[in-house]
Amino acid sequence: LELYNKFSCHEKIEIIHHHLFVSFYILDFE
């Protein structure tokens, strides 16, 4: 939740439920 809030304040981040875990994706500096 902390990381989601940190990154989603700058761009729309979609959370995906993958059955065994829940995730979201971000881009690094490169």
Full PDB file with SEQRES, HELIX, SHEET, SSBOND, CRYST1, ORIGX, SCALE, CONECT and MASTER records, all heavy atoms in Angstrom:
SEQRES   1 A   30  LEU GLU LEU TYR ASN LYS PHE SER CYS HIS GLU LYS ILE          
SEQRES   2 A   30  GLU ILE ILE HIS HIS HIS LEU PHE VAL SER PHE TYR ILE          
SEQRES   3 A   30  LEU ASP PHE GLU                                              
HELIX    1 AA1 GLU A    2  SER A    8  1                                   7    
SHEET    1 AA1 2 ILE A  16  HIS A  17  0                                        
SHEET    2 AA1 2 VAL A  22  SER A  23 -1                                        
CRYST1    1.000    1.000    1.000  90.00  90.00  90.00 P 1           1          
ORIGX1      1.000000  0.000000  0.000000        0.00000                         
ORIGX2      0.000000  1.000000  0.000000        0.00000                         
ORIGX3      0.000000  0.000000  1.000000        0.00000                         
SCALE1      1.000000  0.000000  0.000000        0.00000                         
SCALE2      0.000000  1.000000  0.000000        0.00000                         
SCALE3      0.000000  0.000000  1.000000        0.00000                         
ATOM      1  N   LEU A   1       0.833  -1.204   0.000  1.00  0.00           N  
ATOM      2  CA  LEU A   1       0.000   0.000   0.000  1.00  0.00           C  
ATOM      3  C   LEU A   1       0.868   1.255   0.000  1.00  0.00           C  
ATOM      4  O   LEU A   1       0.587   2.216  -0.732  1.00  0.00           O  
ATOM      5  CB  LEU A   1      -0.953  -0.006   1.202  1.00  0.00           C  
ATOM      6  CG  LEU A   1      -1.902   1.179   1.300  1.00  0.00           C  
ATOM      7  CD1 LEU A   1      -2.837   1.234   0.099  1.00  0.00           C  
ATOM      8  CD2 LEU A   1      -2.696   1.111   2.591  1.00  0.00           C  
ATOM      9  N   GLU A   2       1.918   1.255   0.804  1.00  0.00           N  
ATOM     10  CA  GLU A   2       2.823   2.413   0.868  1.00  0.00           C  
ATOM     11  C   GLU A   2       3.437   2.699  -0.509  1.00  0.00           C  
ATOM     12  O   GLU A   2       3.462   3.843  -0.964  1.00  0.00           O  
ATOM     13  CB  GLU A   2       3.920   2.131   1.900  1.00  0.00           C  
ATOM     14  CG  GLU A   2       4.958   3.220   2.014  1.00  0.00           C  
ATOM     15  CD  GLU A   2       6.090   2.846   2.974  1.00  0.00           C  
ATOM     16  OE1 GLU A   2       5.925   1.916   3.790  1.00  0.00           O  
ATOM     17  OE2 GLU A   2       7.140   3.501   2.875  1.00  0.00           O  
ATOM     18  N   LEU A   3       3.937   1.660  -1.173  1.00  0.00           N  
ATOM     19  CA  LEU A   3       4.555   1.848  -2.485  1.00  0.00           C  
ATOM     20  C   LEU A   3       3.521   2.217  -3.542  1.00  0.00           C  
ATOM     21  O   LEU A   3       3.772   3.059  -4.407  1.00  0.00           O  
ATOM     22  CB  LEU A   3       5.318   0.589  -2.905  1.00  0.00           C  
ATOM     23  CG  LEU A   3       6.600   0.326  -2.128  1.00  0.00           C  
ATOM     24  CD1 LEU A   3       7.148  -1.060  -2.447  1.00  0.00           C  
ATOM     25  CD2 LEU A   3       7.636   1.405  -2.431  1.00  0.00           C  
ATOM     26  N   TYR A   4       2.351   1.590  -3.464  1.00  0.00           N  
ATOM     27  CA  TYR A   4       1.280   1.940  -4.409  1.00  0.00           C  
ATOM     28  C   TYR A   4       0.939   3.425  -4.284  1.00  0.00           C  
ATOM     29  O   TYR A   4       0.844   4.141  -5.284  1.00  0.00           O  
ATOM     30  CB  TYR A   4       0.040   1.079  -4.158  1.00  0.00           C  
ATOM     31  CG  TYR A   4      -1.133   1.517  -4.995  1.00  0.00           C  
ATOM     32  CD1 TYR A   4      -1.219   1.163  -6.338  1.00  0.00           C  
ATOM     33  CD2 TYR A   4      -2.142   2.307  -4.447  1.00  0.00           C  
ATOM     34  CE1 TYR A   4      -2.286   1.589  -7.119  1.00  0.00           C  
ATOM     35  CE2 TYR A   4      -3.200   2.744  -5.214  1.00  0.00           C  
ATOM     36  CZ  TYR A   4      -3.273   2.380  -6.549  1.00  0.00           C  
ATOM     37  OH  TYR A   4      -4.325   2.811  -7.312  1.00  0.00           O  
ATOM     38  N   ASN A   5       0.760   3.899  -3.066  1.00  0.00           N  
ATOM     39  CA  ASN A   5       0.439   5.317  -2.852  1.00  0.00           C  
ATOM     40  C   ASN A   5       1.560   6.225  -3.346  1.00  0.00           C  
ATOM     41  O   ASN A   5       1.309   7.277  -3.937  1.00  0.00           O  
ATOM     42  CB  ASN A   5       0.138   5.587  -1.374  1.00  0.00           C  
ATOM     43  CG  ASN A   5      -1.199   5.020  -0.955  1.00  0.00           C  
ATOM     44  OD1 ASN A   5      -2.111   4.868  -1.761  1.00  0.00           O  
ATOM     45  ND2 ASN A   5      -1.317   4.674   0.319  1.00  0.00           N  
ATOM     46  N   LYS A   6       2.791   5.816  -3.121  1.00  0.00           N  
ATOM     47  CA  LYS A   6       3.944   6.606  -3.549  1.00  0.00           C  
ATOM     48  C   LYS A   6       3.981   6.772  -5.072  1.00  0.00           C  
ATOM     49  O   LYS A   6       4.206   7.870  -5.578  1.00  0.00           O  
ATOM     50  CB  LYS A   6       5.228   5.923  -3.067  1.00  0.00           C  
ATOM     51  CG  LYS A   6       6.504   6.617  -3.459  1.00  0.00           C  
ATOM     52  CD  LYS A   6       7.685   5.847  -2.885  1.00  0.00           C  
ATOM     53  CE  LYS A   6       8.994   6.533  -3.164  1.00  0.00           C  
ATOM     54  NZ  LYS A   6      10.112   5.829  -2.513  1.00  0.00           N  
ATOM     55  N   PHE A   7       3.752   5.691  -5.804  1.00  0.00           N  
ATOM     56  CA  PHE A   7       3.848   5.747  -7.259  1.00  0.00           C  
ATOM     57  C   PHE A   7       2.556   6.212  -7.922  1.00  0.00           C  
ATOM     58  O   PHE A   7       2.589   6.854  -8.974  1.00  0.00           O  
ATOM     59  CB  PHE A   7       4.287   4.397  -7.822  1.00  0.00           C  
ATOM     60  CG  PHE A   7       5.735   4.114  -7.573  1.00  0.00           C  
ATOM     61  CD1 PHE A   7       6.121   3.298  -6.519  1.00  0.00           C  
ATOM     62  CD2 PHE A   7       6.718   4.694  -8.357  1.00  0.00           C  
ATOM     63  CE1 PHE A   7       7.463   3.047  -6.272  1.00  0.00           C  
ATOM     64  CE2 PHE A   7       8.068   4.460  -8.118  1.00  0.00           C  
ATOM     65  CZ  PHE A   7       8.440   3.630  -7.067  1.00  0.00           C  
ATOM     66  N   SER A   8       1.406   5.917  -7.321  1.00  0.00           N  
ATOM     67  CA  SER A   8       0.142   6.282  -7.965  1.00  0.00           C  
ATOM     68  C   SER A   8      -0.173   7.772  -7.851  1.00  0.00           C  
ATOM     69  O   SER A   8      -1.036   8.270  -8.550  1.00  0.00           O  
ATOM     70  CB  SER A   8      -1.018   5.450  -7.413  1.00  0.00           C  
ATOM     71  OG  SER A   8      -1.244   5.742  -6.053  1.00  0.00           O  
ATOM     72  N   CYS A   9       0.534   8.486  -7.002  1.00  0.00           N  
ATOM     73  CA  CYS A   9       0.303   9.933  -6.925  1.00  0.00           C  
ATOM     74  C   CYS A   9       0.882  10.645  -8.149  1.00  0.00           C  
ATOM     75  O   CYS A   9       0.515  11.774  -8.440  1.00  0.00           O  
ATOM     76  CB  CYS A   9       0.839  10.527  -5.626  1.00  0.00           C  
ATOM     77  SG  CYS A   9       2.623  10.563  -5.483  1.00  0.00           S  
ATOM     78  N   HIS A  10       1.764   9.995  -8.890  1.00  0.00           N  
ATOM     79  CA  HIS A  10       2.376  10.585 -10.081  1.00  0.00           C  
ATOM     80  C   HIS A  10       1.765  10.063 -11.382  1.00  0.00           C  
ATOM     81  O   HIS A  10       1.851  10.721 -12.406  1.00  0.00           O  
ATOM     82  CB  HIS A  10       3.882  10.304 -10.102  1.00  0.00           C  
ATOM     83  CG  HIS A  10       4.600  10.859  -8.916  1.00  0.00           C  
ATOM     84  ND1 HIS A  10       4.748  12.206  -8.698  1.00  0.00           N  
ATOM     85  CD2 HIS A  10       5.187  10.244  -7.867  1.00  0.00           C  
ATOM     86  CE1 HIS A  10       5.405  12.398  -7.571  1.00  0.00           C  
ATOM     87  NE2 HIS A  10       5.681  11.217  -7.032  1.00  0.00           N  
ATOM     88  N   GLU A  11       1.198   8.874 -11.346  1.00  0.00           N  
ATOM     89  CA  GLU A  11       0.608   8.276 -12.543  1.00  0.00           C  
ATOM     90  C   GLU A  11      -0.422   7.238 -12.132  1.00  0.00           C  
ATOM     91  O   GLU A  11      -0.422   6.757 -10.997  1.00  0.00           O  
ATOM     92  CB  GLU A  11       1.686   7.625 -13.411  1.00  0.00           C  
ATOM     93  CG  GLU A  11       2.428   6.496 -12.706  1.00  0.00           C  
ATOM     94  CD  GLU A  11       3.532   5.909 -13.556  1.00  0.00           C  
ATOM     95  OE1 GLU A  11       3.222   5.210 -14.533  1.00  0.00           O  
ATOM     96  OE2 GLU A  11       4.700   6.165 -13.233  1.00  0.00           O  
ATOM     97  N   LYS A  12      -1.311   6.896 -13.065  1.00  0.00           N  
ATOM     98  CA  LYS A  12      -2.328   5.882 -12.784  1.00  0.00           C  
ATOM     99  C   LYS A  12      -1.653   4.513 -12.762  1.00  0.00           C  
ATOM    100  O   LYS A  12      -0.996   4.119 -13.713  1.00  0.00           O  
ATOM    101  CB  LYS A  12      -3.414   5.912 -13.859  1.00  0.00           C  
ATOM    102  CG  LYS A  12      -4.539   4.944 -13.571  1.00  0.00           C  
ATOM    103  CD  LYS A  12      -5.630   5.076 -14.609  1.00  0.00           C  
ATOM    104  CE  LYS A  12      -6.804   4.183 -14.394  1.00  0.00           C  
ATOM    105  NZ  LYS A  12      -6.665   2.940 -13.740  1.00  0.00           N  
ATOM    106  N   ILE A  13      -1.794   3.831 -11.658  1.00  0.00           N  
ATOM    107  CA  ILE A  13      -1.221   2.495 -11.486  1.00  0.00           C  
ATOM    108  C   ILE A  13      -2.374   1.518 -11.319  1.00  0.00           C  
ATOM    109  O   ILE A  13      -3.245   1.707 -10.465  1.00  0.00           O  
ATOM    110  CB  ILE A  13      -0.313   2.424 -10.230  1.00  0.00           C  
ATOM    111  CG1 ILE A  13       0.795   3.460 -10.278  1.00  0.00           C  
ATOM    112  CG2 ILE A  13       0.220   1.016 -10.035  1.00  0.00           C  
ATOM    113  CD1 ILE A  13       1.922   3.175 -11.196  1.00  0.00           C  
ATOM    114  N   GLU A  14      -2.367   0.472 -12.112  1.00  0.00           N  
ATOM    115  CA  GLU A  14      -3.414  -0.541 -12.057  1.00  0.00           C  
ATOM    116  C   GLU A  14      -2.943  -1.717 -11.214  1.00  0.00           C  
ATOM    117  O   GLU A  14      -1.821  -2.206 -11.386  1.00  0.00           O  
ATOM    118  CB  GLU A  14      -3.719  -1.001 -13.486  1.00  0.00           C  
ATOM    119  CG  GLU A  14      -4.864  -1.941 -13.596  1.00  0.00           C  
ATOM    120  CD  GLU A  14      -5.180  -2.261 -15.050  1.00  0.00           C  
ATOM    121  OE1 GLU A  14      -4.230  -2.385 -15.861  1.00  0.00           O  
ATOM    122  OE2 GLU A  14      -6.365  -2.393 -15.357  1.00  0.00           O  
ATOM    123  N   ILE A  15      -3.795  -2.158 -10.299  1.00  0.00           N  
ATOM    124  CA  ILE A  15      -3.487  -3.327  -9.468  1.00  0.00           C  
ATOM    125  C   ILE A  15      -4.123  -4.554 -10.111  1.00  0.00           C  
ATOM    126  O   ILE A  15      -5.292  -4.533 -10.495  1.00  0.00           O  
ATOM    127  CB  ILE A  15      -4.001  -3.129  -8.029  1.00  0.00           C  
ATOM    128  CG1 ILE A  15      -3.247  -1.967  -7.369  1.00  0.00           C  
ATOM    129  CG2 ILE A  15      -3.846  -4.422  -7.228  1.00  0.00           C  
ATOM    130  CD1 ILE A  15      -3.710  -1.629  -5.980  1.00  0.00           C  
ATOM    131  N   ILE A  16      -3.320  -5.602 -10.233  1.00  0.00           N  
ATOM    132  CA  ILE A  16      -3.769  -6.832 -10.884  1.00  0.00           C  
ATOM    133  C   ILE A  16      -3.760  -7.977  -9.873  1.00  0.00           C  
ATOM    134  O   ILE A  16      -2.785  -8.185  -9.160  1.00  0.00           O  
ATOM    135  CB  ILE A  16      -2.829  -7.212 -12.061  1.00  0.00           C  
ATOM    136  CG1 ILE A  16      -2.625  -6.047 -13.020  1.00  0.00           C  
ATOM    137  CG2 ILE A  16      -3.350  -8.451 -12.786  1.00  0.00           C  
ATOM    138  CD1 ILE A  16      -3.841  -5.630 -13.785  1.00  0.00           C  
ATOM    139  N   HIS A  17      -4.865  -8.722  -9.834  1.00  0.00           N  
ATOM    140  CA  HIS A  17      -4.996  -9.909  -8.982  1.00  0.00           C  
ATOM    141  C   HIS A  17      -4.652 -11.121  -9.846  1.00  0.00           C  
ATOM    142  O   HIS A  17      -5.333 -11.400 -10.820  1.00  0.00           O  
ATOM    143  CB  HIS A  17      -6.435  -9.994  -8.472  1.00  0.00           C  
ATOM    144  CG  HIS A  17      -6.621 -10.896  -7.307  1.00  0.00           C  
ATOM    145  ND1 HIS A  17      -6.291 -12.229  -7.333  1.00  0.00           N  
ATOM    146  CD2 HIS A  17      -7.114 -10.657  -6.075  1.00  0.00           C  
ATOM    147  CE1 HIS A  17      -6.580 -12.778  -6.166  1.00  0.00           C  
ATOM    148  NE2 HIS A  17      -7.073 -11.826  -5.381  1.00  0.00           N  
ATOM    149  N   HIS A  18      -3.573 -11.820  -9.494  1.00  0.00           N  
ATOM    150  CA  HIS A  18      -3.075 -12.947 -10.284  1.00  0.00           C  
ATOM    151  C   HIS A  18      -3.393 -14.298  -9.638  1.00  0.00           C  
ATOM    152  O   HIS A  18      -2.613 -15.235  -9.802  1.00  0.00           O  
ATOM    153  CB  HIS A  18      -1.561 -12.843 -10.454  1.00  0.00           C  
ATOM    154  CG  HIS A  18      -1.093 -11.679 -11.241  1.00  0.00           C  
ATOM    155  ND1 HIS A  18      -1.152 -11.615 -12.610  1.00  0.00           N  
ATOM    156  CD2 HIS A  18      -0.545 -10.505 -10.843  1.00  0.00           C  
ATOM    157  CE1 HIS A  18      -0.643 -10.478 -13.036  1.00  0.00           C  
ATOM    158  NE2 HIS A  18      -0.272  -9.781 -11.980  1.00  0.00           N  
ATOM    159  N   HIS A  19      -4.452 -14.399  -8.884  1.00  0.00           N  
ATOM    160  CA  HIS A  19      -4.876 -15.637  -8.217  1.00  0.00           C  
ATOM    161  C   HIS A  19      -4.012 -15.979  -7.000  1.00  0.00           C  
ATOM    162  O   HIS A  19      -4.544 -16.145  -5.924  1.00  0.00           O  
ATOM    163  CB  HIS A  19      -4.916 -16.831  -9.174  1.00  0.00           C  
ATOM    164  CG  HIS A  19      -5.807 -16.634 -10.354  1.00  0.00           C  
ATOM    165  ND1 HIS A  19      -7.171 -16.723 -10.275  1.00  0.00           N  
ATOM    166  CD2 HIS A  19      -5.524 -16.304 -11.634  1.00  0.00           C  
ATOM    167  CE1 HIS A  19      -7.695 -16.479 -11.454  1.00  0.00           C  
ATOM    168  NE2 HIS A  19      -6.713 -16.217 -12.300  1.00  0.00           N  
ATOM    169  N   LEU A  20      -2.689 -16.095  -7.176  1.00  0.00           N  
ATOM    170  CA  LEU A  20      -1.807 -16.464  -6.064  1.00  0.00           C  
ATOM    171  C   LEU A  20      -1.177 -15.258  -5.391  1.00  0.00           C  
ATOM    172  O   LEU A  20      -0.608 -15.374  -4.315  1.00  0.00           O  
ATOM    173  CB  LEU A  20      -0.685 -17.380  -6.554  1.00  0.00           C  
ATOM    174  CG  LEU A  20      -1.120 -18.725  -7.118  1.00  0.00           C  
ATOM    175  CD1 LEU A  20       0.097 -19.481  -7.644  1.00  0.00           C  
ATOM    176  CD2 LEU A  20      -1.846 -19.548  -6.070  1.00  0.00           C  
ATOM    177  N   PHE A  21      -1.238 -14.104  -6.031  1.00  0.00           N  
ATOM    178  CA  PHE A  21      -0.676 -12.875  -5.489  1.00  0.00           C  
ATOM    179  C   PHE A  21      -1.333 -11.685  -6.173  1.00  0.00           C  
ATOM    180  O   PHE A  21      -2.053 -11.836  -7.155  1.00  0.00           O  
ATOM    181  CB  PHE A  21       0.855 -12.828  -5.657  1.00  0.00           C  
ATOM    182  CG  PHE A  21       1.321 -12.975  -7.080  1.00  0.00           C  
ATOM    183  CD1 PHE A  21       1.519 -11.857  -7.881  1.00  0.00           C  
ATOM    184  CD2 PHE A  21       1.554 -14.229  -7.611  1.00  0.00           C  
ATOM    185  CE1 PHE A  21       1.936 -11.993  -9.191  1.00  0.00           C  
ATOM    186  CE2 PHE A  21       1.975 -14.375  -8.921  1.00  0.00           C  
ATOM    187  CZ  PHE A  21       2.163 -13.248  -9.716  1.00  0.00           C  
ATOM    188  N   VAL A  22      -1.098 -10.508  -5.622  1.00  0.00           N  
ATOM    189  CA  VAL A  22      -1.623  -9.254  -6.160  1.00  0.00           C  
ATOM    190  C   VAL A  22      -0.424  -8.372  -6.481  1.00  0.00           C  
ATOM    191  O   VAL A  22       0.542  -8.332  -5.714  1.00  0.00           O  
ATOM    192  CB  VAL A  22      -2.561  -8.568  -5.136  1.00  0.00           C  
ATOM    193  CG1 VAL A  22      -3.061  -7.232  -5.647  1.00  0.00           C  
ATOM    194  CG2 VAL A  22      -3.730  -9.493  -4.784  1.00  0.00           C  
ATOM    195  N   SER A  23      -0.474  -7.670  -7.626  1.00  0.00           N  
ATOM    196  CA  SER A  23       0.691  -6.879  -8.009  1.00  0.00           C  
ATOM    197  C   SER A  23       0.331  -5.601  -8.761  1.00  0.00           C  
ATOM    198  O   SER A  23      -0.814  -5.425  -9.191  1.00  0.00           O  
ATOM    199  CB  SER A  23       1.633  -7.722  -8.867  1.00  0.00           C  
ATOM    200  OG  SER A  23       1.023  -8.080 -10.085  1.00  0.00           O  
ATOM    201  N   PHE A  24       1.315  -4.723  -8.887  1.00  0.00           N  
ATOM    202  CA  PHE A  24       1.243  -3.583  -9.798  1.00  0.00           C  
ATOM    203  C   PHE A  24       2.621  -3.411 -10.413  1.00  0.00           C  
ATOM    204  O   PHE A  24       3.607  -3.990  -9.949  1.00  0.00           O  
ATOM    205  CB  PHE A  24       0.746  -2.306  -9.105  1.00  0.00           C  
ATOM    206  CG  PHE A  24       1.644  -1.738  -8.045  1.00  0.00           C  
ATOM    207  CD1 PHE A  24       2.659  -0.836  -8.372  1.00  0.00           C  
ATOM    208  CD2 PHE A  24       1.470  -2.082  -6.713  1.00  0.00           C  
ATOM    209  CE1 PHE A  24       3.472  -0.305  -7.389  1.00  0.00           C  
ATOM    210  CE2 PHE A  24       2.280  -1.551  -5.726  1.00  0.00           C  
ATOM    211  CZ  PHE A  24       3.288  -0.656  -6.069  1.00  0.00           C  
ATOM    212  N   TYR A  25       2.659  -2.653 -11.496  1.00  0.00           N  
ATOM    213  CA  TYR A  25       3.885  -2.516 -12.268  1.00  0.00           C  
ATOM    214  C   TYR A  25       4.290  -1.051 -12.368  1.00  0.00           C  
ATOM    215  O   TYR A  25       3.439  -0.170 -12.521  1.00  0.00           O  
ATOM    216  CB  TYR A  25       3.695  -3.100 -13.680  1.00  0.00           C  
ATOM    217  CG  TYR A  25       3.333  -4.557 -13.630  1.00  0.00           C  
ATOM    218  CD1 TYR A  25       2.002  -4.964 -13.495  1.00  0.00           C  
ATOM    219  CD2 TYR A  25       4.310  -5.542 -13.683  1.00  0.00           C  
ATOM    220  CE1 TYR A  25       1.661  -6.298 -13.425  1.00  0.00           C  
ATOM    221  CE2 TYR A  25       3.981  -6.887 -13.609  1.00  0.00           C  
ATOM    222  CZ  TYR A  25       2.649  -7.257 -13.491  1.00  0.00           C  
ATOM    223  OH  TYR A  25       2.321  -8.587 -13.407  1.00  0.00           O  
ATOM    224  N   ILE A  26       5.591  -0.816 -12.277  1.00  0.00           N  
ATOM    225  CA  ILE A  26       6.145   0.529 -12.395  1.00  0.00           C  
ATOM    226  C   ILE A  26       7.349   0.458 -13.340  1.00  0.00           C  
ATOM    227  O   ILE A  26       7.813  -0.637 -13.685  1.00  0.00           O  
ATOM    228  CB  ILE A  26       6.578   1.093 -11.024  1.00  0.00           C  
ATOM    229  CG1 ILE A  26       7.582   0.152 -10.345  1.00  0.00           C  
ATOM    230  CG2 ILE A  26       5.365   1.343 -10.136  1.00  0.00           C  
ATOM    231  CD1 ILE A  26       8.174   0.673  -9.046  1.00  0.00           C  
ATOM    232  N   LEU A  27       7.853   1.625 -13.735  1.00  0.00           N  
ATOM    233  CA  LEU A  27       9.052   1.689 -14.562  1.00  0.00           C  
ATOM    234  C   LEU A  27      10.184   2.277 -13.751  1.00  0.00           C  
ATOM    235  O   LEU A  27       9.978   3.225 -12.985  1.00  0.00           O  
ATOM    236  CB  LEU A  27       8.810   2.558 -15.800  1.00  0.00           C  
ATOM    237  CG  LEU A  27       7.714   2.097 -16.750  1.00  0.00           C  
ATOM    238  CD1 LEU A  27       7.556   3.098 -17.899  1.00  0.00           C  
ATOM    239  CD2 LEU A  27       7.983   0.704 -17.288  1.00  0.00           C  
ATOM    240  N   ASP A  28      11.384   1.726 -13.931  1.00  0.00           N  
ATOM    241  CA  ASP A  28      12.533   2.321 -13.268  1.00  0.00           C  
ATOM    242  C   ASP A  28      13.036   3.523 -14.076  1.00  0.00           C  
ATOM    243  O   ASP A  28      12.438   3.888 -15.096  1.00  0.00           O  
ATOM    244  CB  ASP A  28      13.634   1.284 -13.009  1.00  0.00           C  
ATOM    245  CG  ASP A  28      14.356   0.790 -14.265  1.00  0.00           C  
ATOM    246  OD1 ASP A  28      14.186   1.386 -15.356  1.00  0.00           O  
ATOM    247  OD2 ASP A  28      15.105  -0.196 -14.152  1.00  0.00           O  
ATOM    248  N   PHE A  29      14.101   4.117 -13.646  1.00  0.00           N  
ATOM    249  CA  PHE A  29      14.661   5.316 -14.261  1.00  0.00           C  
ATOM    250  C   PHE A  29      14.974   5.122 -15.746  1.00  0.00           C  
ATOM    251  O   PHE A  29      14.855   6.046 -16.543  1.00  0.00           O  
ATOM    252  CB  PHE A  29      15.921   5.738 -13.498  1.00  0.00           C  
ATOM    253  CG  PHE A  29      16.589   6.952 -14.048  1.00  0.00           C  
ATOM    254  CD1 PHE A  29      16.062   8.216 -13.829  1.00  0.00           C  
ATOM    255  CD2 PHE A  29      17.741   6.836 -14.812  1.00  0.00           C  
ATOM    256  CE1 PHE A  29      16.671   9.345 -14.344  1.00  0.00           C  
ATOM    257  CE2 PHE A  29      18.367   7.956 -15.326  1.00  0.00           C  
ATOM    258  CZ  PHE A  29      17.829   9.214 -15.090  1.00  0.00           C  
ATOM    259  N   GLU A  30      15.382   3.906 -16.124  1.00  0.00           N  
ATOM    260  CA  GLU A  30      15.734   3.613 -17.516  1.00  0.00           C  
ATOM    261  C   GLU A  30      14.541   3.128 -18.339  1.00  0.00           C  
ATOM    262  O   GLU A  30      14.678   2.831 -19.517  1.00  0.00           O  
ATOM    263  CB  GLU A  30      16.835   2.544 -17.559  1.00  0.00           C  
ATOM    264  CG  GLU A  30      18.160   3.006 -17.013  1.00  0.00           C  
ATOM    265  CD  GLU A  30      18.870   3.977 -17.948  1.00  0.00           C  
ATOM    266  OE1 GLU A  30      18.703   3.867 -19.171  1.00  0.00           O  
ATOM    267  OE2 GLU A  30      19.588   4.845 -17.424  1.00  0.00           O  
TER     268      GLU A  30                                                      
MASTER        0    0    0    1    2    0    0    6  267    1    0    3          
END                                                                             
